[in-house]
Protein backbone atom coordinates (compact mmCIF):
# COMPACT_ATOMS: atom_id res chain seq x y z
CA MET A 1 85.93 -144.17 -89.64
CA ILE A 2 86.56 -148.04 -88.59
CA LYS A 3 85.13 -147.35 -85.30
CA LYS A 4 81.89 -145.85 -86.76
CA ILE A 5 81.46 -148.80 -88.99
CA ILE A 6 81.83 -151.35 -86.34
CA PHE A 7 79.62 -149.14 -84.18
CA PHE A 8 76.86 -149.46 -86.55
CA SER A 9 77.47 -152.74 -88.13
CA LEU A 10 77.23 -154.52 -84.92
CA PRO A 11 73.86 -153.66 -83.75
CA LEU A 12 72.54 -154.26 -87.52
CA SER A 13 73.96 -157.55 -87.65
CA PHE A 14 72.44 -158.73 -84.60
CA LEU A 15 69.26 -157.44 -85.67
CA GLY A 16 69.40 -159.11 -89.02
CA MET A 17 70.26 -162.23 -86.98
CA PHE A 18 66.86 -162.21 -85.23
CA LEU A 19 64.85 -161.20 -88.27
CA PHE A 20 65.89 -163.91 -90.64
CA ILE A 21 66.54 -166.74 -88.13
CA LYS A 22 65.52 -169.87 -89.26
CA PRO A 23 63.84 -172.53 -86.77
CA ALA A 24 65.93 -175.09 -85.25
CA PHE A 25 65.19 -178.66 -86.36
CA ALA A 26 66.27 -180.21 -83.19
CA HIS A 27 64.96 -183.06 -81.02
CA CYS A 28 65.03 -180.42 -78.16
CA PRO A 29 67.73 -177.88 -78.37
CA LEU A 30 67.52 -177.38 -74.60
CA CYS A 31 67.78 -180.90 -73.89
CA VAL A 32 71.37 -181.19 -75.93
CA ALA A 33 72.38 -177.78 -73.90
CA GLY A 34 71.32 -179.48 -70.59
CA ALA A 35 73.20 -182.69 -70.89
CA GLY A 36 76.33 -180.78 -72.43
CA ALA A 37 76.24 -178.66 -69.35
CA GLY A 38 75.69 -181.25 -67.07
CA LEU A 39 78.68 -183.17 -68.77
CA SER A 40 81.08 -180.31 -68.73
CA LEU A 41 80.17 -179.14 -64.89
CA SER A 42 80.74 -183.11 -63.93
CA ARG A 43 84.17 -182.96 -65.46
CA ILE A 44 84.92 -179.59 -64.03
CA PHE A 45 83.98 -180.49 -60.55
CA GLY A 46 85.67 -183.80 -60.58
CA ILE A 47 82.91 -185.98 -60.51
CA ASP A 48 83.07 -189.84 -60.77
CA ASP A 49 83.27 -191.24 -64.30
CA SER A 50 80.36 -193.28 -64.05
CA ILE A 51 78.08 -190.11 -63.45
CA THR A 52 79.88 -188.39 -66.03
CA GLY A 53 79.33 -191.20 -68.19
CA ILE A 54 75.61 -191.02 -67.58
CA TRP A 55 75.46 -187.50 -68.80
CA MET A 56 77.88 -188.22 -71.88
CA GLY A 57 75.28 -191.08 -72.84
CA ALA A 58 72.41 -188.61 -72.47
CA PHE A 59 74.19 -186.01 -74.71
CA LEU A 60 75.00 -188.46 -77.33
CA GLY A 61 71.25 -189.83 -77.27
CA ALA A 62 70.00 -185.94 -77.76
CA MET A 63 72.57 -185.66 -80.84
CA GLY A 64 71.34 -188.61 -82.31
CA PHE A 65 67.74 -187.55 -82.07
CA TRP A 66 68.80 -184.22 -83.38
CA ILE A 67 70.47 -185.49 -86.36
CA HIS A 68 67.27 -187.81 -87.09
CA ASN A 69 64.87 -184.77 -86.95
CA LEU A 70 67.28 -182.79 -89.31
CA LEU A 71 67.16 -185.56 -91.99
CA LYS A 72 63.22 -184.90 -92.12
CA LYS A 73 62.89 -188.35 -93.83
CA THR A 74 62.90 -191.81 -93.07
CA TYR A 75 65.32 -193.58 -95.61
CA ILE A 76 65.75 -196.99 -93.55
CA PRO A 77 63.62 -198.93 -91.33
CA PHE A 78 64.61 -198.24 -87.64
CA GLN A 79 66.69 -195.07 -88.81
CA ARG A 80 66.31 -193.36 -85.35
CA LEU A 81 67.78 -196.14 -83.67
CA LEU A 82 70.55 -196.99 -85.94
CA LEU A 83 71.52 -193.23 -85.83
CA TYR A 84 71.34 -193.22 -82.37
CA LEU A 85 73.53 -196.59 -82.00
CA VAL A 86 76.12 -195.25 -84.74
CA ILE A 87 76.72 -191.88 -82.85
CA PHE A 88 77.17 -193.96 -79.61
CA VAL A 89 79.28 -196.67 -80.80
CA SER A 90 81.37 -194.44 -82.93
CA THR A 91 81.99 -192.32 -79.88
CA LEU A 92 82.81 -195.11 -77.64
CA ILE A 93 85.24 -196.44 -80.12
CA SER A 94 86.89 -193.04 -80.49
CA PHE A 95 87.16 -192.60 -76.91
CA TYR A 96 88.99 -195.91 -76.53
CA ARG A 97 91.21 -195.27 -79.22
CA LEU A 98 92.44 -191.98 -77.90
CA GLY A 99 92.75 -193.45 -74.34
CA LEU A 100 90.12 -191.35 -72.93
CA ILE A 101 88.63 -194.41 -71.17
CA ASN A 102 90.57 -196.56 -69.10
CA GLU A 103 90.58 -198.97 -66.28
CA HIS A 104 92.62 -196.94 -63.77
CA ASN A 105 89.51 -194.99 -62.79
CA GLY A 106 87.60 -198.28 -61.55
CA LEU A 107 85.42 -201.07 -63.10
CA ILE A 108 81.72 -201.60 -62.54
CA TYR A 109 80.91 -205.12 -63.53
CA ASP A 110 84.18 -205.24 -65.28
CA ILE A 111 83.34 -202.31 -67.60
CA PRO A 112 85.37 -199.16 -66.93
CA LYS A 113 82.97 -196.74 -65.10
CA LEU A 114 83.02 -194.19 -68.01
CA THR A 115 81.51 -196.55 -70.53
CA PHE A 116 79.25 -198.26 -67.81
CA GLY A 117 77.80 -194.77 -67.14
CA MET A 118 77.63 -194.06 -70.94
CA ILE A 119 75.44 -197.01 -71.48
CA LEU A 120 73.34 -196.45 -68.67
CA GLY A 121 72.80 -192.99 -69.27
CA GLY A 122 72.15 -193.73 -73.28
CA VAL A 123 69.70 -196.29 -72.43
CA LEU A 124 67.68 -194.35 -70.14
CA PHE A 125 67.65 -191.13 -72.37
CA TYR A 126 66.26 -193.58 -75.13
CA PHE A 127 63.36 -194.88 -73.07
CA ALA A 128 62.81 -191.15 -71.21
CA ASP A 129 62.08 -189.92 -74.90
CA TYR A 130 59.85 -192.81 -75.40
CA ALA A 131 57.79 -192.22 -72.20
CA ASN A 132 57.48 -188.66 -73.00
CA THR A 133 56.33 -189.37 -76.57
CA TYR A 134 53.84 -191.90 -75.03
CA LEU A 135 52.55 -189.45 -72.42
CA LYS A 136 51.94 -186.73 -75.25
CA LYS A 137 50.48 -189.17 -77.47
CA ILE A 138 47.78 -190.44 -74.86
CA ASN A 139 46.91 -187.01 -73.74
CA GLY A 140 47.09 -185.24 -77.27
CA LYS A 141 49.50 -182.89 -76.11
CA ALA A 142 52.12 -182.02 -73.38
CA LEU A 143 50.94 -182.09 -69.66
CA PHE A 144 52.71 -179.11 -68.65
CA PRO A 145 55.05 -176.57 -70.16
CA TYR A 146 58.59 -177.82 -70.97
CA GLN A 147 57.55 -181.32 -70.19
CA SER A 148 60.02 -182.94 -72.74
CA ILE A 149 62.91 -181.07 -70.62
CA VAL A 150 61.73 -182.05 -67.41
CA VAL A 151 61.31 -185.88 -68.42
CA SER A 152 64.69 -186.04 -70.12
CA LEU A 153 67.01 -184.19 -67.78
CA GLY A 154 64.77 -185.12 -64.74
CA SER A 155 65.37 -188.61 -65.62
CA ILE A 156 69.04 -188.15 -66.12
CA LEU A 157 69.42 -186.20 -62.63
CA LEU A 158 67.84 -188.96 -61.02
CA LEU A 159 69.68 -191.71 -62.26
CA SER A 160 72.91 -189.43 -61.44
CA LEU A 161 71.79 -188.99 -58.05
CA GLY A 162 70.94 -192.92 -57.86
CA MET A 163 74.55 -193.65 -59.09
CA TYR A 164 76.03 -191.20 -56.40
CA VAL A 165 74.22 -192.97 -53.48
CA VAL A 166 75.09 -196.40 -54.91
CA LEU A 167 78.72 -195.54 -55.36
CA ASN A 168 79.17 -193.89 -51.91
CA PHE A 169 77.08 -195.75 -49.58
CA TYR A 170 76.86 -199.23 -51.02
CA ILE A 171 80.00 -200.21 -52.93
């Protein structure tokens, strides 16, 4: 009897999910997923902390934009930037307190590699989002399908490749 209930209830529940699904109020769910996947892969494959930090900074930036869009209303001036910074700084503080960031993995300009990469990735992601918004504004629409994803993840990928070249061939 229970097997029959499970057999019929699972397909019906999946069908119900798709029929009554609500739209996501995200900055760009694919950007968040892409940054998170890049971060996870960089840790799994043992990639340098500065490159991992770039992806972590982008991921935190995407989360900040996502939360801002969930609010639907601006309550304070510079709310978007402040949310971005609060998420970023609170994550950095928690990483330091938990010992996830240390100097044993190396320093770049006297800053731990993970912190340096997070700052670089966060700043780039923020400006890439503004560049993408500007491109859409002057053209009245996106220039090509998935432009936001290409601009966001493409800029992070190029920065990661640049960091790889600098770390392996110049430092």
